[in-house]
Protein backbone atom coordinates (compact mmCIF):
# COMPACT_ATOMS: atom_id res chain seq x y z
CA MET A 1 -28.43 -46.17 9.92
CA VAL A 2 -27.12 -44.73 13.04
CA ALA A 3 -23.55 -44.02 11.30
CA ALA A 4 -25.56 -42.45 8.59
CA ARG A 5 -27.23 -39.87 10.64
CA ARG A 6 -23.51 -39.29 12.73
CA ALA A 7 -22.16 -38.73 8.99
CA PHE A 8 -24.70 -36.04 8.28
CA LYS A 9 -24.00 -34.46 11.07
CA VAL A 10 -20.68 -33.91 10.89
CA ALA A 11 -21.11 -32.78 7.24
CA ALA A 12 -23.78 -29.92 8.35
CA ARG A 13 -20.83 -28.94 11.13
CA ALA A 14 -18.55 -28.57 8.21
CA ALA A 15 -20.94 -26.79 6.08
CA THR A 16 -20.92 -23.95 8.58
CA HIS A 17 -17.40 -23.79 9.19
CA PRO A 18 -16.11 -20.28 8.77
CA ILE A 19 -13.13 -21.58 6.14
CA TRP A 20 -16.24 -22.94 3.93
CA ALA A 21 -17.80 -19.39 4.69
CA GLU A 22 -14.34 -17.83 3.65
CA LEU A 23 -14.36 -19.77 0.25
CA ALA A 24 -17.76 -19.01 -0.64
CA SER A 25 -17.52 -15.67 0.68
CA PRO A 26 -15.94 -13.79 -2.60
CA PHE A 27 -18.86 -14.84 -4.72
CA ALA A 28 -21.51 -13.83 -1.85
CA ARG A 29 -19.54 -10.23 -1.64
CA THR A 30 -19.50 -9.89 -5.33
CA ALA A 31 -23.39 -10.43 -5.74
CA GLY A 32 -24.18 -8.41 -3.00
CA TRP A 33 -21.76 -5.67 -4.49
CA TYR A 34 -23.56 -6.03 -7.86
CA ILE A 35 -26.88 -5.58 -6.51
CA GLN A 36 -26.12 -2.44 -4.57
CA THR A 37 -24.32 -0.91 -7.10
CA ALA A 38 -27.14 -1.71 -9.40
CA CYS A 39 -29.78 -0.38 -7.34
CA PRO A 40 -28.78 3.55 -6.29
CA PRO A 41 -31.65 3.46 -3.29
CA LEU A 42 -29.84 0.51 -1.09
CA VAL A 43 -26.48 2.68 -1.16
CA ARG A 44 -26.25 3.87 2.48
CA ALA A 45 -27.08 7.46 2.75
CA GLY A 46 -24.07 9.50 2.22
CA GLU A 47 -22.10 7.36 0.04
CA ASP A 48 -22.40 8.85 -3.23
CA ALA A 49 -21.31 12.43 -1.76
CA GLY A 50 -17.93 13.75 -2.45
CA ALA A 51 -15.65 12.26 -5.20
CA VAL A 52 -17.23 9.26 -5.58
CA PRO A 53 -19.35 8.68 -9.10
CA HIS A 54 -21.87 6.58 -9.40
CA ILE A 55 -21.44 3.77 -11.89
CA THR A 56 -23.77 1.17 -13.35
CA PRO A 57 -22.15 -2.11 -13.18
CA ASP A 58 -21.92 -5.37 -15.78
CA LEU A 59 -20.74 -8.93 -16.09
CA ALA A 60 -16.75 -7.40 -16.86
CA LEU A 61 -17.17 -5.35 -14.03
CA ALA A 62 -18.49 -7.99 -11.94
CA GLY A 63 -15.59 -9.98 -13.13
CA GLN A 64 -13.02 -7.65 -11.71
CA ALA A 65 -14.62 -7.14 -8.65
CA LEU A 66 -14.60 -10.90 -7.99
CA ILE A 67 -11.11 -11.15 -9.04
CA ASP A 68 -10.68 -8.52 -5.76
CA GLU A 69 -12.78 -10.82 -3.43
CA LEU A 70 -10.91 -14.01 -4.10
CA VAL A 71 -7.68 -11.86 -3.11
CA LEU A 72 -9.12 -10.98 0.04
CA ALA A 73 -9.91 -14.35 0.49
CA GLY A 74 -6.47 -15.96 -0.07
CA ILE A 75 -4.99 -13.45 2.18
CA ARG A 76 -7.83 -14.42 5.10
CA LEU A 77 -7.40 -17.91 4.18
CA ARG A 78 -3.67 -17.95 5.04
CA ARG A 79 -3.76 -16.08 7.83
CA ARG A 80 -4.18 -17.53 11.57
CA PRO A 81 -6.13 -15.87 14.67
CA ARG A 82 -3.45 -15.48 17.43
CA ASP A 83 -3.90 -17.27 20.70
CA PRO A 84 -4.99 -15.19 23.81
CA ALA A 85 -0.95 -15.03 25.12
CA GLU A 86 0.15 -13.02 21.79
CA MET A 87 -3.20 -10.77 21.86
CA ALA A 88 -2.31 -9.94 25.58
CA ARG A 89 1.00 -8.69 24.11
CA ILE A 90 0.37 -6.98 21.34
CA ALA A 91 -2.27 -5.36 23.52
CA GLN A 92 0.15 -4.10 25.90
CA GLU A 93 2.63 -2.94 23.36
CA VAL A 94 -0.14 -0.79 21.96
CA THR A 95 -1.31 0.57 25.28
CA GLU A 96 2.67 1.47 26.12
CA ALA A 97 3.12 3.12 22.38
CA ILE A 98 0.23 5.48 22.98
CA ALA A 99 1.18 6.58 26.35
CA LEU A 100 4.58 7.31 24.90
CA TYR A 101 3.55 9.09 21.64
CA ASP A 102 1.15 11.03 23.77
CA ARG A 103 3.77 11.98 26.04
CA MET A 104 6.49 12.51 23.20
CA GLY A 105 4.13 14.89 21.55
CA TRP A 106 3.78 12.41 18.52
CA LEU A 107 0.20 12.00 18.49
CA ALA A 108 -0.62 15.87 18.65
CA ASP A 109 2.01 16.28 15.98
CA PRO A 110 2.67 13.08 13.96
CA ALA A 111 5.30 14.57 11.62
CA SER A 112 7.64 15.31 14.03
CA TYR A 113 7.55 11.40 14.89
CA HIS A 114 9.60 10.96 11.59
CA LEU A 115 12.96 11.87 11.38
CA THR A 116 15.02 12.60 8.27
CA PRO A 117 17.64 10.47 6.62
CA GLY A 118 20.35 11.49 4.47
CA PRO A 119 21.77 9.83 1.98
CA PRO A 120 23.17 6.23 2.11
CA ASP A 121 27.13 5.92 2.90
CA ASP A 122 27.27 2.59 2.07
CA ALA A 123 25.60 2.00 -1.32
CA ARG A 124 26.19 -0.63 -3.01
CA MET A 125 25.33 -1.13 -7.20
CA ARG A 126 25.38 -4.86 -8.99
CA MET A 127 23.61 -5.36 -12.49
CA ALA A 128 20.65 -8.30 -12.45
CA TRP A 129 19.67 -9.72 -15.38
CA GLY A 130 16.06 -11.14 -16.47
CA PRO A 131 15.02 -8.50 -16.55
CA ARG A 132 17.79 -6.51 -17.02
CA HIS A 133 18.15 -3.57 -14.33
CA GLU A 134 20.32 -2.73 -11.61
CA ILE A 135 19.95 -3.48 -7.54
CA LEU A 136 20.89 -0.96 -5.66
CA SER A 137 21.27 -2.03 -1.83
CA PHE A 138 22.26 -0.23 1.40
CA THR A 139 22.40 -0.40 5.17
CA SER A 140 18.64 0.89 6.17
CA GLY A 141 19.68 2.46 9.28
CA TYR A 142 15.93 2.80 10.25
CA GLU A 143 15.77 2.30 14.18
CA PRO A 144 12.55 2.55 16.14
CA HIS A 145 12.58 5.35 18.90
CA ALA A 146 14.13 4.51 22.23
CA ALA A 147 11.74 3.08 24.65
CA GLU A 148 9.12 2.27 21.98
CA PRO A 149 7.64 -1.02 22.52
CA GLY A 150 8.47 -3.88 20.07
CA ARG A 151 11.89 -2.19 18.99
CA ASP A 152 14.05 -4.73 20.40
CA ARG A 153 12.10 -7.27 18.17
CA TRP A 154 11.99 -5.55 15.20
CA LEU A 155 16.16 -4.58 15.23
CA ALA A 156 16.67 -8.46 15.55
CA ASP A 157 15.14 -9.10 11.86
CA GLU A 158 18.26 -9.16 10.27
CA PRO A 159 17.29 -9.49 6.91
CA ASN A 160 15.14 -6.36 7.18
CA ALA A 161 17.86 -4.14 7.72
CA THR A 162 19.08 -3.94 4.22
CA ALA A 163 17.16 -2.14 1.87
CA TYR A 164 17.20 -2.60 -1.45
CA ALA A 165 15.86 -0.57 -4.83
CA TRP A 166 15.49 -2.19 -8.39
CA ILE A 167 17.03 0.58 -10.50
CA LEU A 168 17.10 1.50 -14.12
CA ARG A 169 19.29 4.55 -15.05
CA HIS A 170 20.11 5.81 -18.32
CA HIS A 171 24.45 6.56 -18.19
CA ASP A 172 24.36 10.35 -19.58
CA VAL A 173 27.26 12.48 -19.03
CA PRO A 174 25.99 14.34 -17.28
CA ASP A 175 22.61 12.62 -16.45
CA THR A 176 20.31 15.52 -15.87
CA ARG A 177 16.96 13.16 -16.58
CA PRO A 178 14.44 13.50 -14.24
CA TRP A 179 13.40 10.53 -12.17
CA ILE A 180 10.05 8.65 -10.99
CA VAL A 181 9.85 6.66 -7.52
CA CYS A 182 7.53 3.74 -8.01
CA VAL A 183 6.50 2.30 -4.69
CA HIS A 184 4.91 -1.51 -4.71
CA GLY A 185 1.83 -2.97 -2.77
CA ALA A 186 1.68 -5.76 -0.10
CA GLY A 187 3.06 -9.20 -1.10
CA MET A 188 5.30 -7.66 -3.64
CA GLY A 189 8.79 -6.68 -3.63
CA GLN A 190 10.31 -8.73 -5.82
CA ALA A 191 12.17 -7.28 -9.11
CA LEU A 192 10.13 -9.07 -12.20
CA GLY A 193 6.78 -8.15 -10.86
CA ASP A 194 7.44 -4.96 -9.46
CA LEU A 195 9.13 -3.49 -12.92
CA ARG A 196 6.21 -5.38 -14.76
CA VAL A 197 3.49 -3.56 -12.70
CA PHE A 198 4.65 -0.20 -12.81
CA ARG A 199 5.82 -0.61 -16.99
CA ALA A 200 9.28 0.08 -15.36
CA HIS A 201 11.04 -0.34 -19.28
CA TRP A 202 8.23 1.33 -20.47
CA LEU A 203 9.01 4.47 -18.49
CA HIS A 204 12.60 4.29 -18.99
CA HIS A 205 13.06 3.60 -22.57
CA GLU A 206 10.09 5.22 -23.79
CA LEU A 207 9.32 8.12 -21.84
CA GLY A 208 13.02 8.63 -21.19
CA LEU A 209 12.96 8.92 -17.41
CA ASN A 210 15.41 7.11 -14.67
CA VAL A 211 13.27 4.59 -12.48
CA ALA A 212 13.92 3.89 -9.18
CA LEU A 213 11.62 0.55 -7.47
CA PRO A 214 12.18 0.75 -3.49
CA VAL A 215 11.57 -2.60 -1.68
CA GLN A 216 9.38 -2.05 1.47
CA ALA A 217 10.14 -3.15 4.83
CA ARG A 218 9.76 -6.89 5.27
CA HIS A 219 8.94 -7.76 1.41
CA GLY A 220 11.02 -9.34 -1.32
CA PRO A 221 14.25 -10.44 -0.21
CA ARG A 222 13.66 -8.34 3.05
CA ARG A 223 11.24 -11.13 4.34
CA ALA A 224 14.05 -14.01 3.88
CA GLY A 225 13.63 -17.02 6.03
CA LYS A 226 9.56 -16.08 6.66
CA PRO A 227 6.70 -17.96 5.51
CA PHE A 228 5.00 -17.24 2.21
CA GLY A 229 2.32 -13.85 2.94
CA ILE A 230 2.12 -10.28 3.28
CA GLY A 231 4.77 -8.81 5.59
CA TRP A 232 1.99 -5.76 6.57
CA PRO A 233 -0.37 -4.80 7.61
CA GLY A 234 -1.48 -7.43 9.92
CA ASP A 235 -2.87 -7.41 13.24
CA ASP A 236 0.53 -7.02 15.21
CA MET A 237 -0.02 -3.42 15.53
CA LEU A 238 3.38 -1.81 16.55
CA ASP A 239 5.00 -3.97 13.72
CA ASN A 240 2.61 -2.01 11.82
CA VAL A 241 3.94 1.16 12.83
CA HIS A 242 8.01 0.31 12.58
CA ALA A 243 6.77 -1.25 9.23
CA ILE A 244 5.26 2.10 7.90
CA ALA A 245 8.23 3.76 9.50
CA GLN A 246 10.97 1.89 8.04
CA SER A 247 9.39 1.82 4.75
CA VAL A 248 9.00 5.78 4.43
CA TRP A 249 12.79 5.94 5.79
CA ASP A 250 13.76 4.05 3.38
CA ILE A 251 11.83 5.48 0.43
CA ARG A 252 13.46 8.76 1.07
CA ARG A 253 16.88 7.28 1.73
CA VAL A 254 16.05 6.21 -2.21
CA ILE A 255 15.17 9.82 -3.26
CA ALA A 256 18.14 11.33 -1.12
CA TRP A 257 20.52 8.96 -2.99
CA ILE A 258 19.17 10.49 -6.08
CA ARG A 259 19.68 14.05 -4.95
CA ALA A 260 23.10 13.61 -4.14
CA ARG A 261 24.04 12.35 -7.20
CA GLN A 262 21.83 14.32 -9.41
CA PRO A 263 20.86 17.59 -7.14
CA ASP A 264 18.73 19.56 -9.93
CA ALA A 265 17.03 16.50 -11.03
CA ALA A 266 13.27 16.35 -10.73
CA VAL A 267 11.59 13.46 -8.42
CA ALA A 268 8.32 11.70 -8.80
CA LEU A 269 7.02 9.70 -6.54
CA HIS A 270 4.07 6.92 -7.48
CA GLY A 271 2.75 4.33 -5.38
CA LEU A 272 0.30 2.01 -5.47
CA SER A 273 -2.06 0.31 -3.09
CA LEU A 274 -0.18 -0.15 0.06
CA GLY A 275 2.57 1.92 -1.66
CA GLY A 276 -0.05 4.63 -2.37
CA TYR A 277 -0.04 4.69 1.82
CA THR A 278 3.41 5.31 2.24
CA THR A 279 3.80 7.60 -0.57
CA ALA A 280 1.13 9.77 0.72
CA LEU A 281 2.77 9.39 3.94
CA VAL A 282 6.06 11.15 2.14
CA ALA A 283 4.52 13.82 0.58
CA GLY A 284 3.38 15.13 4.01
CA LEU A 285 7.26 14.82 4.82
CA ASP A 286 9.00 16.13 1.49
CA ALA A 287 8.04 19.19 0.19
CA ASP A 288 10.32 19.06 -2.80
CA LEU A 289 8.60 16.10 -4.89
CA ALA A 290 8.02 17.14 -8.12
CA CYS A 291 4.64 15.01 -8.55
CA VAL A 292 2.87 12.71 -5.93
CA ILE A 293 0.64 10.20 -7.49
CA ALA A 294 -1.23 7.94 -4.87
CA GLY A 295 -2.80 4.92 -7.00
CA VAL A 296 -5.79 2.23 -5.25
CA PRO A 297 -4.42 3.69 -2.14
CA ALA A 298 -5.06 1.94 1.08
CA ILE A 299 -5.39 4.69 3.52
CA ASP A 300 -6.75 3.94 6.77
CA PHE A 301 -5.40 0.48 8.15
CA ALA A 302 -7.90 0.35 11.31
CA GLU A 303 -10.62 0.32 8.96
CA LEU A 304 -9.42 -2.08 6.74
CA MET A 305 -8.60 -4.66 8.76
CA GLU A 306 -12.23 -4.46 10.54
CA ARG A 307 -14.40 -4.72 7.40
CA HIS A 308 -11.98 -7.18 5.77
CA ALA A 309 -11.59 -9.57 9.28
CA SER A 310 -12.46 -12.99 8.95
CA ALA A 311 -15.55 -14.80 11.01
CA ARG A 312 -11.93 -16.79 12.34
CA PHE A 313 -10.75 -13.64 13.95
CA SER A 314 -13.94 -11.87 15.05
CA GLU A 315 -14.55 -14.95 16.95
CA ARG A 316 -11.44 -14.01 19.04
CA ALA A 317 -11.29 -11.92 22.30
CA GLY A 318 -9.48 -9.06 21.79
CA TYR A 319 -9.52 -8.30 17.74
CA GLU A 320 -12.19 -5.82 18.37
CA ARG A 321 -10.39 -3.78 21.33
CA ILE A 322 -7.24 -3.99 19.63
CA GLY A 323 -8.70 -2.28 16.71
CA ASP A 324 -10.14 0.70 18.94
CA MET A 325 -6.97 1.17 20.20
CA ALA A 326 -4.82 0.81 16.90
CA ARG A 327 -6.31 3.75 15.66
CA ARG A 328 -4.65 6.28 17.83
CA ALA A 329 -0.97 4.18 18.19
CA LEU A 330 -1.29 4.73 14.12
CA ARG A 331 -2.19 8.02 13.88
CA VAL A 332 2.21 8.53 14.45
CA VAL A 333 2.45 6.79 10.88
CA SER A 334 -1.12 8.13 8.97
CA PRO A 335 -1.18 10.14 5.99
CA LEU A 336 -4.40 11.46 7.19
CA ALA A 337 -2.72 13.05 10.16
CA ILE A 338 -0.04 15.09 8.29
CA ALA A 339 -1.13 17.63 6.04
CA PRO A 340 0.65 17.36 2.53
CA ARG A 341 3.56 19.38 1.98
CA VAL A 342 3.59 19.26 -2.02
CA SER A 343 1.27 21.51 -3.77
CA ILE A 344 -2.36 20.69 -4.82
CA GLU A 345 -1.54 21.15 -8.48
CA ARG A 346 1.22 18.48 -7.85
CA ARG A 347 -0.85 15.63 -6.05
CA PHE A 348 -2.80 13.22 -7.77
CA ILE A 349 -4.90 10.23 -7.19
CA TYR A 350 -6.61 7.42 -8.85
CA ALA A 351 -8.86 4.69 -8.04
CA GLY A 352 -11.45 2.04 -9.40
CA LEU A 353 -14.71 2.36 -8.90
CA ALA A 354 -15.30 -1.56 -8.18
CA ASP A 355 -12.26 -1.67 -6.01
CA ARG A 356 -13.04 -4.59 -3.19
CA LEU A 357 -10.05 -4.20 -1.34
CA VAL A 358 -9.27 -0.68 -0.83
CA HIS A 359 -12.95 0.91 -0.45
CA PRO A 360 -13.84 4.09 -2.66
CA HIS A 361 -16.14 5.88 -0.08
CA HIS A 362 -14.22 4.45 3.56
CA GLN A 363 -10.73 4.65 2.17
CA ILE A 364 -10.21 6.93 -1.09
CA ARG A 365 -12.56 9.88 -0.30
CA GLN A 366 -10.42 10.18 3.00
CA LEU A 367 -7.44 10.64 1.32
CA TRP A 368 -9.01 12.91 -1.36
CA THR A 369 -10.66 15.27 1.27
CA GLN A 370 -7.50 15.38 3.48
CA TRP A 371 -5.36 16.42 0.01
CA GLU A 372 -7.83 19.40 -0.41
CA GLN A 373 -9.61 17.52 -3.15
CA PRO A 374 -6.77 17.21 -5.78
CA GLU A 375 -7.25 16.06 -9.22
CA ILE A 376 -8.45 12.62 -9.22
CA ASN A 377 -9.36 9.71 -11.79
CA TRP A 378 -11.85 7.55 -11.37
CA PHE A 379 -11.29 4.54 -13.92
CA ARG A 380 -14.08 1.41 -14.44
CA GLY A 381 -12.15 -1.42 -12.54
CA SER A 382 -10.88 -2.88 -9.67
CA HIS A 383 -7.94 -2.79 -7.34
CA VAL A 384 -6.03 -5.39 -9.03
CA GLY A 385 -8.04 -3.98 -12.59
CA PHE A 386 -5.85 -0.94 -12.65
CA PHE A 387 -3.05 -3.14 -14.50
CA LEU A 388 -5.62 -3.31 -17.42
CA SER A 389 -6.79 -0.06 -17.47
CA ARG A 390 -5.16 2.05 -20.59
CA PRO A 391 -6.93 4.79 -19.01
CA VAL A 392 -4.97 4.57 -15.87
CA GLN A 393 -1.77 4.78 -17.98
CA ALA A 394 -2.72 8.21 -19.83
CA PHE A 395 -3.53 9.84 -16.37
CA VAL A 396 -0.45 8.64 -15.02
CA VAL A 397 1.67 10.19 -17.91
CA ASP A 398 -0.59 13.40 -17.91
CA ALA A 399 0.44 13.86 -14.48
CA LEU A 400 4.39 13.91 -14.97
CA GLN A 401 3.71 16.18 -18.15
CA ARG A 402 1.44 18.56 -16.41
CA THR A 403 3.85 18.40 -13.25
CA GLY A 404 7.11 19.12 -15.67
CA VAL A 405 8.66 15.91 -15.12
CA LEU A 406 8.21 14.42 -18.59
CA LYS A 407 8.57 16.99 -21.10
CA THR A 408 8.71 14.58 -24.09
CA THR A 409 5.67 13.82 -26.54
CA THR A 410 4.10 11.02 -24.99
CA PRO A 411 4.55 7.95 -27.07
CA PRO A 412 1.49 5.13 -27.37
CA ALA A 413 1.00 3.33 -24.05
CA PRO A 414 2.12 0.29 -23.71
CA THR A 415 0.62 -2.91 -25.75
CA SER A 416 -0.30 -4.80 -22.50
CA ALA A 417 -2.39 -2.22 -21.23
CA ARG A 418 -6.20 -2.15 -22.68
């Protein structure tokens, strides 16, 4: 009997362990979303204002929302809370960074934090197979500013110092075809997945575009030697700042490489999720882009990390305090702090009404407002569900046509889209 009581107590404690809460949270959160969405009076005051239309959920949409929640739970379960010494180091770096950014005037003018790169002078091309494409690689050349916290640690990451892009190009002589640069999301950066998610071969063969897919910092082959997971964002705030700045730098170098080869070619930029963030930031630094499309963009990392924080993390002292400081440190790399230089008729956004990773109100509406309310396509789906949405594909093609990037008659949409 004593053994039975002891076993019961152990089981009761295990049932309340944060790990089990993580495993149960996708179902509870999806149910909460369904009830809240189905009952408009339960929506918090003001949430339905602005660009976000109301939807009536169904089981198919709830299924997509559940997939988003399962992805989030997987991300949380793979992460580990940092020990107090690491938290103290992160807090110290953030404090020093804010002081430096303020002293240099970068908090007042975040665009001045970013230098303009030229085309790489050591670009290398080689052919890859399965699926067939070319691999562009070059030395990134990015360096954090002198005296910037975390600089030495960042530069010591040798695999990340080489930049890559997957390339699909036509070999016309001369090649005058337009380009679309597609920027992947978190946890991506491998050719097979990137090419498929963006339907790169369809863009190349059916629409006749040249296609470049840059690999963001600490993703794909640039993450060699590190554990499986998402390269960023994470809770090391200065690593986030350097990762964003380097990704933007490398994307702009790929664009500079294109322009050096084809000075008159139109260049469109299409980013997805995390790539939507860096795409929106590049739009505040490069006025000559022919078209900018931010797809289901994550746009406010501080809010994102607070909303998706695990119970295992909230129990650790220091996370909330660092989160408050992170908003200031991240300002130098925030698209919400830098006005877009691309004209409004060339800015486009698409977002999912059931997106559980990137909140339609707290994330998408912020970018829509910052971008002066450009055209936005709200599709009936979730963050992951964009891949299944035929309206999203039609919206992207229409944006390319309306900005003159694409001049051909639109062929049928890819058969894998629905």
